[in-house]
Amino acid sequence: MSTRPSPLSARGLTRRACLALPLAGWTLSAARSAWAGGQLEEPLIDSVRSALSAAIANSAPPIPEFTDTESRLKYLRWLGAMMFRLRRRKPDFDTRKEFLQTIWYESRRAGLDVSLVMGLVQVESGFRKYAVSPVGARGYMQVMPFWTRSIGDSDSAKLFHMQTNLRFGCVIMRHYLDRERGDLFLALGRYNGSRGKPEYPNAVFGAQKQWEFTGA
């Protein structure tokens, strides 16, 4: 399965190194009240709107594909490790496996580090499929309903569908990362509506550490 790597800038990497610290005392209640649903509705030029709409439209099921045996084995090792780490948040085996397979697929499809997306989901929703923020952001990645009008079919109820929510969230994050020329710190701030402030990127980078996997 071919993917493009996230083009992290030197500036983004430097800021990440400074900010990627564990958050002492971080709680789900804090995540619910502090972060969810901060994306700002901004006008999109036609070419960007078309590209994002095309990225959203492909609804193929998240079936991993591999070019060689080692890639497949690495995925299976990752899946085994994540199944263990996520078991307390998603006790049902089949639900947990489907979620991990989908987030792996959508992250790589968008050229994002899957551990980053896992950290973002943890901060935004605490891995709750039906999470709703006070401003109406929905689902795992707390996608604002206006995105379904801008680049989807205007059916915001679909944001409670697992793959649809992860697809939207990853495509939006990729859009922000491209817009910030690879600066992950600023892209995360834009995702949260707090561009330039350290609190949200710090929270995501801290959560990301729990989901990193070396493949060993």
N, C-alpha and C. Protein backbone atom coordinates (compact mmCIF):
# COMPACT_ATOMS: atom_id res chain seq x y z
N MET A 1 0.84 -1.18 0.00
CA MET A 1 0.00 0.00 0.00
C MET A 1 0.88 1.23 0.00
N SER A 2 0.78 2.08 -0.94
CA SER A 2 1.65 3.25 -1.04
C SER A 2 1.07 4.40 -0.24
N THR A 3 1.94 5.12 0.47
CA THR A 3 1.54 6.29 1.24
C THR A 3 2.60 7.34 1.09
N ARG A 4 2.24 8.58 1.33
CA ARG A 4 3.26 9.63 1.29
C ARG A 4 3.55 10.06 2.71
N PRO A 5 4.82 10.27 3.06
CA PRO A 5 5.16 10.63 4.42
C PRO A 5 4.76 12.07 4.72
N SER A 6 4.53 12.34 6.00
CA SER A 6 4.22 13.70 6.39
C SER A 6 5.47 14.56 6.26
N PRO A 7 5.40 15.68 5.52
CA PRO A 7 6.59 16.49 5.27
C PRO A 7 6.85 17.44 6.42
N LEU A 8 7.33 16.92 7.57
CA LEU A 8 7.55 17.75 8.73
C LEU A 8 8.74 18.67 8.51
N SER A 9 8.53 19.94 8.77
CA SER A 9 9.60 20.92 8.59
C SER A 9 10.54 20.88 9.78
N ALA A 10 11.71 21.48 9.60
CA ALA A 10 12.66 21.57 10.70
C ALA A 10 12.05 22.34 11.86
N ARG A 11 11.28 23.40 11.51
CA ARG A 11 10.64 24.18 12.55
C ARG A 11 9.66 23.32 13.33
N GLY A 12 8.86 22.53 12.60
CA GLY A 12 7.88 21.67 13.24
C GLY A 12 8.53 20.63 14.12
N LEU A 13 9.64 20.05 13.64
CA LEU A 13 10.34 19.04 14.42
C LEU A 13 10.94 19.64 15.67
N THR A 14 11.49 20.85 15.56
CA THR A 14 12.07 21.50 16.72
C THR A 14 11.00 21.76 17.78
N ARG A 15 9.87 22.29 17.34
CA ARG A 15 8.80 22.55 18.28
C ARG A 15 8.27 21.26 18.87
N ARG A 16 8.20 20.24 18.03
CA ARG A 16 7.72 18.96 18.53
C ARG A 16 8.64 18.44 19.62
N ALA A 17 9.95 18.55 19.41
CA ALA A 17 10.90 18.06 20.40
C ALA A 17 10.72 18.79 21.72
N CYS A 18 10.38 20.08 21.66
CA CYS A 18 10.20 20.86 22.87
C CYS A 18 8.88 20.56 23.56
N LEU A 19 7.88 20.21 22.76
CA LEU A 19 6.53 20.10 23.30
C LEU A 19 6.12 18.68 23.62
N ALA A 20 6.81 17.70 23.05
CA ALA A 20 6.37 16.31 23.19
C ALA A 20 6.73 15.75 24.55
N LEU A 21 6.05 16.28 25.58
CA LEU A 21 6.29 15.86 26.95
C LEU A 21 5.01 15.27 27.52
N PRO A 22 5.11 14.25 28.35
CA PRO A 22 3.91 13.69 28.94
C PRO A 22 3.17 14.73 29.76
N LEU A 23 1.84 14.69 29.76
CA LEU A 23 1.04 15.64 30.51
C LEU A 23 0.68 15.03 31.85
N ALA A 24 1.28 15.53 32.90
CA ALA A 24 0.99 15.01 34.23
C ALA A 24 -0.45 15.36 34.61
N GLY A 25 -1.16 14.32 35.09
CA GLY A 25 -2.50 14.56 35.55
C GLY A 25 -3.52 14.76 34.46
N TRP A 26 -3.16 14.44 33.22
CA TRP A 26 -4.11 14.61 32.12
C TRP A 26 -5.29 13.67 32.32
N THR A 27 -6.53 14.20 32.18
CA THR A 27 -7.73 13.40 32.38
C THR A 27 -8.66 13.55 31.21
N LEU A 28 -9.56 12.59 31.07
CA LEU A 28 -10.53 12.65 29.99
C LEU A 28 -11.45 13.84 30.16
N SER A 29 -11.81 14.17 31.40
CA SER A 29 -12.69 15.31 31.60
C SER A 29 -12.03 16.59 31.13
N ALA A 30 -10.72 16.70 31.32
CA ALA A 30 -10.01 17.88 30.83
C ALA A 30 -10.05 17.92 29.32
N ALA A 31 -9.86 16.75 28.69
CA ALA A 31 -9.91 16.70 27.24
C ALA A 31 -11.25 17.14 26.72
N ARG A 32 -12.33 16.71 27.37
CA ARG A 32 -13.66 17.05 26.91
C ARG A 32 -13.90 18.55 26.96
N SER A 33 -13.44 19.19 28.06
CA SER A 33 -13.77 20.59 28.24
C SER A 33 -12.80 21.53 27.54
N ALA A 34 -11.55 21.08 27.33
CA ALA A 34 -10.53 22.01 26.86
C ALA A 34 -10.35 22.03 25.36
N TRP A 35 -10.54 20.89 24.69
CA TRP A 35 -10.05 20.83 23.34
C TRP A 35 -11.11 20.67 22.25
N ALA A 36 -12.16 19.92 22.51
CA ALA A 36 -13.00 19.42 21.43
C ALA A 36 -13.66 20.50 20.59
N GLY A 37 -13.66 20.28 19.29
CA GLY A 37 -14.46 21.07 18.37
C GLY A 37 -13.99 22.48 18.14
N GLY A 38 -12.70 22.69 17.90
CA GLY A 38 -12.22 24.04 17.71
C GLY A 38 -11.95 24.44 16.27
N GLN A 39 -12.23 23.56 15.31
CA GLN A 39 -11.94 23.91 13.91
C GLN A 39 -12.79 25.11 13.50
N LEU A 40 -12.19 26.01 12.76
CA LEU A 40 -12.88 27.22 12.31
C LEU A 40 -13.29 27.07 10.85
N GLU A 41 -14.50 27.48 10.54
CA GLU A 41 -14.96 27.41 9.15
C GLU A 41 -14.31 28.54 8.37
N GLU A 42 -13.60 28.16 7.32
CA GLU A 42 -12.88 29.11 6.49
C GLU A 42 -13.24 28.88 5.03
N PRO A 43 -13.27 29.93 4.22
CA PRO A 43 -13.57 29.73 2.80
C PRO A 43 -12.47 28.91 2.13
N LEU A 44 -12.87 28.02 1.24
CA LEU A 44 -11.93 27.18 0.50
C LEU A 44 -11.97 27.56 -0.97
N ILE A 45 -10.81 27.70 -1.58
CA ILE A 45 -10.80 27.95 -3.02
C ILE A 45 -11.27 26.68 -3.73
N ASP A 46 -11.76 26.84 -4.95
CA ASP A 46 -12.39 25.73 -5.64
C ASP A 46 -11.48 24.52 -5.78
N SER A 47 -10.21 24.76 -6.08
CA SER A 47 -9.29 23.63 -6.29
C SER A 47 -9.08 22.84 -5.00
N VAL A 48 -9.00 23.55 -3.88
CA VAL A 48 -8.83 22.88 -2.59
C VAL A 48 -10.10 22.13 -2.22
N ARG A 49 -11.25 22.78 -2.43
CA ARG A 49 -12.52 22.13 -2.13
C ARG A 49 -12.69 20.84 -2.95
N SER A 50 -12.33 20.91 -4.22
CA SER A 50 -12.45 19.74 -5.09
C SER A 50 -11.53 18.62 -4.64
N ALA A 51 -10.30 18.98 -4.27
CA ALA A 51 -9.33 17.97 -3.83
C ALA A 51 -9.79 17.31 -2.53
N LEU A 52 -10.29 18.10 -1.59
CA LEU A 52 -10.75 17.56 -0.33
C LEU A 52 -12.00 16.70 -0.52
N SER A 53 -12.88 17.16 -1.38
CA SER A 53 -14.10 16.39 -1.65
C SER A 53 -13.76 15.04 -2.27
N ALA A 54 -12.78 15.03 -3.17
CA ALA A 54 -12.36 13.78 -3.79
C ALA A 54 -11.73 12.84 -2.76
N ALA A 55 -10.97 13.41 -1.84
CA ALA A 55 -10.33 12.60 -0.81
C ALA A 55 -11.35 11.98 0.13
N ILE A 56 -12.43 12.68 0.37
CA ILE A 56 -13.49 12.18 1.25
C ILE A 56 -14.35 11.13 0.55
N ALA A 57 -14.55 11.31 -0.74
CA ALA A 57 -15.57 10.54 -1.47
C ALA A 57 -15.28 9.05 -1.58
N ASN A 58 -14.04 8.65 -1.65
CA ASN A 58 -13.71 7.24 -1.82
C ASN A 58 -14.05 6.47 -0.54
N SER A 59 -15.10 5.67 -0.61
CA SER A 59 -15.57 4.98 0.59
C SER A 59 -15.19 3.51 0.63
N ALA A 60 -14.10 3.17 -0.05
CA ALA A 60 -13.66 1.77 -0.05
C ALA A 60 -13.38 1.31 1.38
N PRO A 61 -13.70 0.06 1.70
CA PRO A 61 -13.46 -0.43 3.06
C PRO A 61 -11.97 -0.45 3.38
N PRO A 62 -11.62 -0.25 4.64
CA PRO A 62 -10.21 -0.16 5.04
C PRO A 62 -9.54 -1.51 5.10
N ILE A 63 -9.20 -2.04 3.96
CA ILE A 63 -8.54 -3.34 3.90
C ILE A 63 -7.04 -3.12 3.67
N PRO A 64 -6.20 -3.46 4.63
CA PRO A 64 -4.76 -3.24 4.47
C PRO A 64 -4.20 -4.04 3.29
N GLU A 65 -3.33 -3.41 2.53
CA GLU A 65 -2.65 -4.07 1.43
C GLU A 65 -1.14 -3.89 1.62
N PHE A 66 -0.39 -4.91 1.26
CA PHE A 66 1.05 -4.88 1.52
C PHE A 66 1.81 -5.32 0.28
N THR A 67 2.96 -4.70 0.07
CA THR A 67 3.78 -5.02 -1.08
C THR A 67 4.76 -6.15 -0.80
N ASP A 68 4.97 -6.45 0.48
CA ASP A 68 5.90 -7.52 0.84
C ASP A 68 5.53 -8.11 2.19
N THR A 69 6.11 -9.27 2.48
CA THR A 69 5.78 -9.99 3.71
C THR A 69 6.20 -9.22 4.95
N GLU A 70 7.34 -8.55 4.91
CA GLU A 70 7.82 -7.82 6.07
C GLU A 70 6.88 -6.69 6.46
N SER A 71 6.33 -6.00 5.46
CA SER A 71 5.37 -4.92 5.75
C SER A 71 4.13 -5.47 6.43
N ARG A 72 3.67 -6.62 5.95
CA ARG A 72 2.50 -7.24 6.56
C ARG A 72 2.79 -7.68 7.99
N LEU A 73 3.97 -8.26 8.22
CA LEU A 73 4.32 -8.69 9.56
C LEU A 73 4.47 -7.50 10.51
N LYS A 74 5.00 -6.40 10.00
CA LYS A 74 5.13 -5.20 10.83
C LYS A 74 3.76 -4.68 11.24
N TYR A 75 2.83 -4.70 10.28
CA TYR A 75 1.45 -4.28 10.59
C TYR A 75 0.85 -5.19 11.66
N LEU A 76 1.03 -6.49 11.52
CA LEU A 76 0.45 -7.42 12.48
C LEU A 76 1.07 -7.24 13.87
N ARG A 77 2.37 -6.93 13.93
CA ARG A 77 2.99 -6.65 15.22
C ARG A 77 2.42 -5.38 15.83
N TRP A 78 2.24 -4.36 14.99
CA TRP A 78 1.63 -3.10 15.47
C TRP A 78 0.22 -3.38 15.98
N LEU A 79 -0.56 -4.13 15.22
CA LEU A 79 -1.93 -4.41 15.60
C LEU A 79 -1.99 -5.15 16.93
N GLY A 80 -1.12 -6.11 17.12
CA GLY A 80 -1.09 -6.85 18.37
C GLY A 80 -0.77 -5.95 19.56
N ALA A 81 0.21 -5.06 19.37
CA ALA A 81 0.60 -4.15 20.45
C ALA A 81 -0.53 -3.18 20.78
N MET A 82 -1.17 -2.63 19.74
CA MET A 82 -2.23 -1.65 19.96
C MET A 82 -3.49 -2.31 20.55
N MET A 83 -3.77 -3.56 20.16
CA MET A 83 -4.90 -4.28 20.74
C MET A 83 -4.74 -4.37 22.25
N PHE A 84 -3.52 -4.61 22.70
CA PHE A 84 -3.24 -4.72 24.12
C PHE A 84 -3.38 -3.35 24.80
N ARG A 85 -2.83 -2.30 24.19
CA ARG A 85 -2.85 -0.98 24.82
C ARG A 85 -4.26 -0.37 24.88
N LEU A 86 -5.09 -0.71 23.92
CA LEU A 86 -6.40 -0.08 23.82
C LEU A 86 -7.50 -0.87 24.53
N ARG A 87 -7.17 -2.00 25.11
CA ARG A 87 -8.20 -2.92 25.60
C ARG A 87 -9.07 -2.30 26.69
N ARG A 88 -8.51 -1.44 27.53
CA ARG A 88 -9.32 -0.85 28.60
C ARG A 88 -10.31 0.18 28.07
N ARG A 89 -9.96 0.84 27.00
CA ARG A 89 -10.86 1.85 26.42
C ARG A 89 -11.90 1.22 25.51
N LYS A 90 -11.54 0.11 24.88
CA LYS A 90 -12.47 -0.62 24.01
C LYS A 90 -12.39 -2.10 24.35
N PRO A 91 -13.16 -2.54 25.33
CA PRO A 91 -13.04 -3.93 25.80
C PRO A 91 -13.44 -4.98 24.77
N ASP A 92 -14.40 -4.66 23.89
CA ASP A 92 -14.85 -5.65 22.92
C ASP A 92 -13.78 -5.89 21.87
N PHE A 93 -13.39 -7.15 21.69
CA PHE A 93 -12.28 -7.50 20.79
C PHE A 93 -12.55 -7.07 19.36
N ASP A 94 -13.72 -7.41 18.82
CA ASP A 94 -14.01 -7.11 17.42
C ASP A 94 -14.09 -5.60 17.17
N THR A 95 -14.70 -4.86 18.10
CA THR A 95 -14.80 -3.41 17.96
C THR A 95 -13.42 -2.78 17.97
N ARG A 96 -12.57 -3.27 18.87
CA ARG A 96 -11.21 -2.74 18.99
C ARG A 96 -10.41 -3.02 17.73
N LYS A 97 -10.53 -4.22 17.21
CA LYS A 97 -9.77 -4.58 16.00
C LYS A 97 -10.24 -3.76 14.80
N GLU A 98 -11.55 -3.59 14.65
CA GLU A 98 -12.07 -2.81 13.53
C GLU A 98 -11.62 -1.36 13.61
N PHE A 99 -11.65 -0.79 14.81
CA PHE A 99 -11.20 0.59 15.00
C PHE A 99 -9.73 0.73 14.62
N LEU A 100 -8.88 -0.16 15.11
CA LEU A 100 -7.45 -0.05 14.84
C LEU A 100 -7.14 -0.25 13.36
N GLN A 101 -7.80 -1.20 12.73
CA GLN A 101 -7.58 -1.41 11.31
C GLN A 101 -7.97 -0.17 10.51
N THR A 102 -9.07 0.46 10.90
CA THR A 102 -9.54 1.64 10.18
C THR A 102 -8.65 2.84 10.41
N ILE A 103 -8.23 3.07 11.64
CA ILE A 103 -7.40 4.24 11.91
C ILE A 103 -6.01 4.08 11.27
N TRP A 104 -5.52 2.85 11.21
CA TRP A 104 -4.25 2.60 10.53
C TRP A 104 -4.39 2.92 9.05
N TYR A 105 -5.47 2.43 8.46
CA TYR A 105 -5.71 2.64 7.03
C TYR A 105 -5.88 4.12 6.70
N GLU A 106 -6.71 4.82 7.45
CA GLU A 106 -6.99 6.22 7.15
C GLU A 106 -5.80 7.13 7.43
N SER A 107 -5.05 6.81 8.46
CA SER A 107 -3.85 7.60 8.76
C SER A 107 -2.84 7.51 7.63
N ARG A 108 -2.55 6.29 7.21
CA ARG A 108 -1.58 6.08 6.15
C ARG A 108 -2.09 6.61 4.81
N ARG A 109 -3.38 6.49 4.57
CA ARG A 109 -3.97 7.02 3.35
C ARG A 109 -3.76 8.53 3.24
N ALA A 110 -3.81 9.22 4.39
CA ALA A 110 -3.62 10.67 4.42
C ALA A 110 -2.17 11.07 4.60
N GLY A 111 -1.26 10.10 4.72
CA GLY A 111 0.15 10.42 4.92
C GLY A 111 0.45 10.94 6.31
N LEU A 112 -0.27 10.43 7.31
CA LEU A 112 -0.09 10.87 8.69
C LEU A 112 0.46 9.72 9.53
N ASP A 113 1.21 10.05 10.55
CA ASP A 113 1.72 9.07 11.49
C ASP A 113 0.53 8.54 12.30
N VAL A 114 0.34 7.23 12.30
CA VAL A 114 -0.82 6.67 12.99
C VAL A 114 -0.78 6.96 14.49
N SER A 115 0.41 7.04 15.07
CA SER A 115 0.49 7.35 16.51
C SER A 115 0.02 8.78 16.78
N LEU A 116 0.27 9.68 15.84
CA LEU A 116 -0.22 11.05 15.97
C LEU A 116 -1.75 11.07 15.95
N VAL A 117 -2.33 10.35 15.03
CA VAL A 117 -3.79 10.32 14.92
C VAL A 117 -4.40 9.66 16.15
N MET A 118 -3.77 8.62 16.67
CA MET A 118 -4.24 8.00 17.90
C MET A 118 -4.20 9.00 19.06
N GLY A 119 -3.12 9.76 19.14
CA GLY A 119 -3.01 10.78 20.18
C GLY A 119 -4.07 11.85 20.02
N LEU A 120 -4.34 12.25 18.79
CA LEU A 120 -5.35 13.26 18.53
C LEU A 120 -6.74 12.76 18.94
N VAL A 121 -7.04 11.50 18.61
CA VAL A 121 -8.33 10.93 19.00
C VAL A 121 -8.45 10.86 20.52
N GLN A 122 -7.37 10.49 21.19
CA GLN A 122 -7.40 10.42 22.64
C GLN A 122 -7.72 11.78 23.24
N VAL A 123 -7.06 12.83 22.75
CA VAL A 123 -7.28 14.17 23.28
C VAL A 123 -8.67 14.69 22.93
N GLU A 124 -9.10 14.47 21.69
CA GLU A 124 -10.36 15.04 21.24
C GLU A 124 -11.58 14.35 21.84
N SER A 125 -11.59 13.04 21.91
CA SER A 125 -12.82 12.34 22.29
C SER A 125 -12.63 11.25 23.33
N GLY A 126 -11.39 10.96 23.71
CA GLY A 126 -11.17 9.85 24.63
C GLY A 126 -11.60 8.53 24.04
N PHE A 127 -11.52 8.42 22.68
CA PHE A 127 -11.89 7.21 21.94
C PHE A 127 -13.40 6.91 22.05
N ARG A 128 -14.21 7.94 22.21
CA ARG A 128 -15.66 7.76 22.28
C ARG A 128 -16.27 8.03 20.91
N LYS A 129 -16.90 7.04 20.35
CA LYS A 129 -17.46 7.13 19.01
C LYS A 129 -18.54 8.20 18.89
N TYR A 130 -19.35 8.35 19.93
CA TYR A 130 -20.48 9.27 19.87
C TYR A 130 -20.25 10.55 20.67
N ALA A 131 -18.99 10.92 20.87
CA ALA A 131 -18.69 12.15 21.59
C ALA A 131 -19.23 13.37 20.83
N VAL A 132 -19.81 14.30 21.57
CA VAL A 132 -20.29 15.56 21.00
C VAL A 132 -19.80 16.69 21.89
N SER A 133 -19.17 17.70 21.29
CA SER A 133 -18.65 18.82 22.06
C SER A 133 -19.75 19.85 22.28
N PRO A 134 -19.53 20.81 23.17
CA PRO A 134 -20.52 21.87 23.39
C PRO A 134 -20.84 22.68 22.14
N VAL A 135 -19.94 22.70 21.17
CA VAL A 135 -20.20 23.46 19.94
C VAL A 135 -20.63 22.56 18.79
N GLY A 136 -20.87 21.27 19.09
CA GLY A 136 -21.43 20.39 18.09
C GLY A 136 -20.47 19.53 17.32
N ALA A 137 -19.16 19.56 17.63
CA ALA A 137 -18.20 18.69 16.96
C ALA A 137 -18.52 17.24 17.31
N ARG A 138 -18.27 16.33 16.36
CA ARG A 138 -18.78 14.98 16.51
C ARG A 138 -17.72 13.89 16.34
N GLY A 139 -17.92 12.83 17.10
CA GLY A 139 -17.20 11.60 16.88
C GLY A 139 -15.78 11.56 17.38
N TYR A 140 -15.09 10.51 16.96
CA TYR A 140 -13.73 10.25 17.42
C TYR A 140 -12.80 11.45 17.27
N MET A 141 -12.83 12.08 16.08
CA MET A 141 -11.89 13.17 15.81
C MET A 141 -12.56 14.54 15.91
N GLN A 142 -13.75 14.57 16.52
CA GLN A 142 -14.46 15.81 16.79
C GLN A 142 -14.51 16.72 15.57
N VAL A 143 -15.08 16.20 14.52
CA VAL A 143 -15.21 16.94 13.26
C VAL A 143 -16.43 17.85 13.34
N MET A 144 -16.25 19.10 12.96
CA MET A 144 -17.37 20.05 12.96
C MET A 144 -18.30 19.76 11.78
N PRO A 145 -19.62 19.83 12.00
CA PRO A 145 -20.58 19.53 10.93
C PRO A 145 -20.43 20.37 9.67
N PHE A 146 -19.87 21.58 9.78
CA PHE A 146 -19.75 22.42 8.58
C PHE A 146 -18.88 21.75 7.51
N TRP A 147 -18.00 20.84 7.92
CA TRP A 147 -17.16 20.16 6.93
C TRP A 147 -17.99 19.29 5.99
N THR A 148 -19.09 18.74 6.48
CA THR A 148 -19.92 17.91 5.59
C THR A 148 -20.60 18.78 4.54
N ARG A 149 -20.83 20.05 4.85
CA ARG A 149 -21.38 20.97 3.85
C ARG A 149 -20.30 21.42 2.88
N SER A 150 -19.09 21.62 3.39
CA SER A 150 -18.01 22.16 2.56
C SER A 150 -17.45 21.14 1.58
N ILE A 151 -17.27 19.90 2.05
CA ILE A 151 -16.59 18.91 1.21
C ILE A 151 -17.31 17.56 1.17
N GLY A 152 -18.47 17.46 1.81
CA GLY A 152 -19.20 16.20 1.83
C GLY A 152 -20.57 16.33 1.19
N ASP A 153 -21.50 15.51 1.69
CA ASP A 153 -22.85 15.51 1.12
C ASP A 153 -23.87 16.18 2.04
N SER A 154 -23.37 16.95 3.02
CA SER A 154 -24.20 17.71 3.97
C SER A 154 -24.91 16.85 5.01
N ASP A 155 -24.62 15.56 5.04
CA ASP A 155 -25.24 14.68 6.03
C ASP A 155 -24.32 14.56 7.24
N SER A 156 -24.49 15.44 8.21
CA SER A 156 -23.60 15.46 9.37
C SER A 156 -23.80 14.25 10.28
N ALA A 157 -24.93 13.55 10.14
CA ALA A 157 -25.15 12.36 10.96
C ALA A 157 -24.11 11.29 10.66
N LYS A 158 -23.55 11.31 9.45
CA LYS A 158 -22.55 10.32 9.07
C LYS A 158 -21.26 10.47 9.87
N LEU A 159 -21.08 11.59 10.54
CA LEU A 159 -19.86 11.80 11.33
C LEU A 159 -19.81 10.88 12.55
N PHE A 160 -20.91 10.19 12.84
CA PHE A 160 -20.89 9.19 13.90
C PHE A 160 -20.54 7.81 13.36
N HIS A 161 -20.36 7.69 12.05
CA HIS A 161 -19.89 6.44 11.45
C HIS A 161 -18.37 6.42 11.58
N MET A 162 -17.84 5.32 12.07
CA MET A 162 -16.42 5.27 12.40
C MET A 162 -15.51 5.66 11.24
N GLN A 163 -15.62 4.97 10.12
CA GLN A 163 -14.70 5.24 9.03
C GLN A 163 -14.90 6.64 8.47
N THR A 164 -16.16 7.09 8.38
CA THR A 164 -16.42 8.43 7.87
C THR A 164 -15.78 9.49 8.75
N ASN A 165 -15.91 9.34 10.06
CA ASN A 165 -15.32 10.31 10.98
C ASN A 165 -13.81 10.32 10.88
N LEU A 166 -13.20 9.13 10.87
CA LEU A 166 -11.74 9.06 10.78
C LEU A 166 -11.26 9.56 9.42
N ARG A 167 -12.03 9.30 8.37
CA ARG A 167 -11.68 9.80 7.04
C ARG A 167 -11.68 11.32 7.02
N PHE A 168 -12.75 11.93 7.50
CA PHE A 168 -12.83 13.38 7.55
C PHE A 168 -11.70 13.96 8.41
N GLY A 169 -11.53 13.41 9.60
CA GLY A 169 -10.51 13.94 10.50
C GLY A 169 -9.12 13.89 9.92
N CYS A 170 -8.76 12.78 9.29
CA CYS A 170 -7.42 12.63 8.71
C CYS A 170 -7.24 13.54 7.49
N VAL A 171 -8.27 13.64 6.66
CA VAL A 171 -8.18 14.52 5.48
C VAL A 171 -8.06 15.97 5.92
N ILE A 172 -8.81 16.37 6.95
CA ILE A 172 -8.73 17.75 7.45
C ILE A 172 -7.35 18.02 8.03
N MET A 173 -6.83 17.07 8.81
CA MET A 173 -5.50 17.26 9.39
C MET A 173 -4.44 17.35 8.31
N ARG A 174 -4.56 16.52 7.27
CA ARG A 174 -3.63 16.58 6.14
C ARG A 174 -3.71 17.95 5.45
N HIS A 175 -4.92 18.45 5.28
CA HIS A 175 -5.14 19.77 4.68
C HIS A 175 -4.44 20.85 5.50
N TYR A 176 -4.60 20.81 6.81
CA TYR A 176 -3.96 21.81 7.66
C TYR A 176 -2.43 21.68 7.64
N LEU A 177 -1.95 20.45 7.60
CA LEU A 177 -0.50 20.24 7.56
C LEU A 177 0.08 20.77 6.25
N ASP A 178 -0.62 20.54 5.15
CA ASP A 178 -0.16 21.09 3.87
C ASP A 178 -0.22 22.61 3.88
N ARG A 179 -1.27 23.13 4.45
CA ARG A 179 -1.44 24.59 4.50
C ARG A 179 -0.34 25.25 5.32
N GLU A 180 0.12 24.54 6.37
CA GLU A 180 1.19 25.07 7.21
C GLU A 180 2.56 24.61 6.75
N ARG A 181 2.64 24.08 5.53
CA ARG A 181 3.91 23.68 4.90
C ARG A 181 4.69 22.69 5.77
N GLY A 182 3.97 21.76 6.35
CA GLY A 182 4.61 20.70 7.11
C GLY A 182 4.86 21.01 8.57
N ASP A 183 4.47 22.17 9.04
CA ASP A 183 4.69 22.52 10.45
C ASP A 183 3.58 21.88 11.28
N LEU A 184 3.91 20.80 11.95
CA LEU A 184 2.92 20.03 12.69
C LEU A 184 2.37 20.80 13.88
N PHE A 185 3.21 21.58 14.51
CA PHE A 185 2.78 22.40 15.65
C PHE A 185 1.65 23.35 15.23
N LEU A 186 1.85 24.06 14.14
CA LEU A 186 0.84 25.01 13.68
C LEU A 186 -0.38 24.29 13.11
N ALA A 187 -0.16 23.16 12.44
CA ALA A 187 -1.29 22.41 11.88
C ALA A 187 -2.21 21.90 12.98
N LEU A 188 -1.64 21.39 14.06
CA LEU A 188 -2.46 20.94 15.18
C LEU A 188 -3.20 22.11 15.82
N GLY A 189 -2.54 23.24 15.93
CA GLY A 189 -3.22 24.41 16.46
C GLY A 189 -4.38 24.82 15.59
N ARG A 190 -4.22 24.73 14.29
CA ARG A 190 -5.30 25.07 13.38
C ARG A 190 -6.45 24.06 13.52
N TYR A 191 -6.12 22.80 13.70
CA TYR A 191 -7.15 21.78 13.89
C TYR A 191 -8.01 22.11 15.11
N ASN A 192 -7.38 22.64 16.12
CA ASN A 192 -8.05 22.97 17.37
C ASN A 192 -8.61 24.40 17.40
N GLY A 193 -8.24 25.22 16.41
CA GLY A 193 -8.66 26.61 16.43
C GLY A 193 -7.85 27.46 17.38
N SER A 194 -6.62 27.01 17.69
CA SER A 194 -5.77 27.76 18.62
C SER A 194 -4.37 27.91 18.03
N ARG A 195 -4.29 28.22 16.76
CA ARG A 195 -3.02 28.28 16.05
C ARG A 195 -2.01 29.16 16.77
N GLY A 196 -0.80 28.60 16.96
CA GLY A 196 0.28 29.35 17.58
C GLY A 196 0.38 29.18 19.08
N LYS A 197 -0.62 28.59 19.72
CA LYS A 197 -0.58 28.39 21.15
C LYS A 197 -0.12 26.95 21.45
N PRO A 198 0.62 26.76 22.53
CA PRO A 198 1.24 25.45 22.75
C PRO A 198 0.38 24.41 23.43
N GLU A 199 -0.72 24.80 24.08
CA GLU A 199 -1.43 23.84 24.93
C GLU A 199 -1.95 22.63 24.16
N TYR A 200 -2.60 22.87 23.03
CA TYR A 200 -3.19 21.74 22.31
C TYR A 200 -2.12 20.86 21.65
N PRO A 201 -1.17 21.41 20.92
CA PRO A 201 -0.11 20.54 20.39
C PRO A 201 0.60 19.76 21.49
N ASN A 202 0.84 20.41 22.63
CA ASN A 202 1.49 19.75 23.75
C ASN A 202 0.67 18.54 24.21
N ALA A 203 -0.65 18.73 24.29
CA ALA A 203 -1.53 17.64 24.71
C ALA A 203 -1.49 16.48 23.72
N VAL A 204 -1.54 16.77 22.44
CA VAL A 204 -1.54 15.71 21.42
C VAL A 204 -0.19 14.99 21.40
N PHE A 205 0.91 15.74 21.44
CA PHE A 205 2.22 15.11 21.44
C PHE A 205 2.41 14.23 22.67
N GLY A 206 1.90 14.69 23.83
CA GLY A 206 1.99 13.88 25.03
C GLY A 206 1.21 12.58 24.90
N ALA A 207 -0.01 12.68 24.35
CA ALA A 207 -0.83 11.48 24.15
C ALA A 207 -0.21 10.56 23.10
N GLN A 208 0.40 11.15 22.08
CA GLN A 208 1.01 10.36 21.00
C GLN A 208 2.03 9.37 21.53
N LYS A 209 2.76 9.76 22.55
CA LYS A 209 3.81 8.90 23.09
C LYS A 209 3.26 7.54 23.55
N GLN A 210 2.00 7.53 23.97
CA GLN A 210 1.42 6.27 24.44
C GLN A 210 1.15 5.29 23.29
N TRP A 211 1.17 5.80 22.05
CA TRP A 211 0.79 4.97 20.89
C TRP A 211 1.93 4.77 19.91
N GLU A 212 3.12 5.19 20.26
CA GLU A 212 4.26 4.99 19.38
C GLU A 212 4.66 3.52 19.36
N PHE A 213 5.14 3.08 18.20
CA PHE A 213 5.51 1.67 18.04
C PHE A 213 6.74 1.58 17.15
N THR A 214 7.76 0.89 17.63
CA THR A 214 9.02 0.81 16.88
C THR A 214 9.02 -0.33 15.89
N GLY A 215 8.14 -1.28 16.06
CA GLY A 215 8.09 -2.41 15.14
C GLY A 215 9.00 -3.54 15.52
N ALA A 216 9.63 -3.43 16.66
CA ALA A 216 10.58 -4.48 17.10
C ALA A 216 9.82 -5.71 17.55
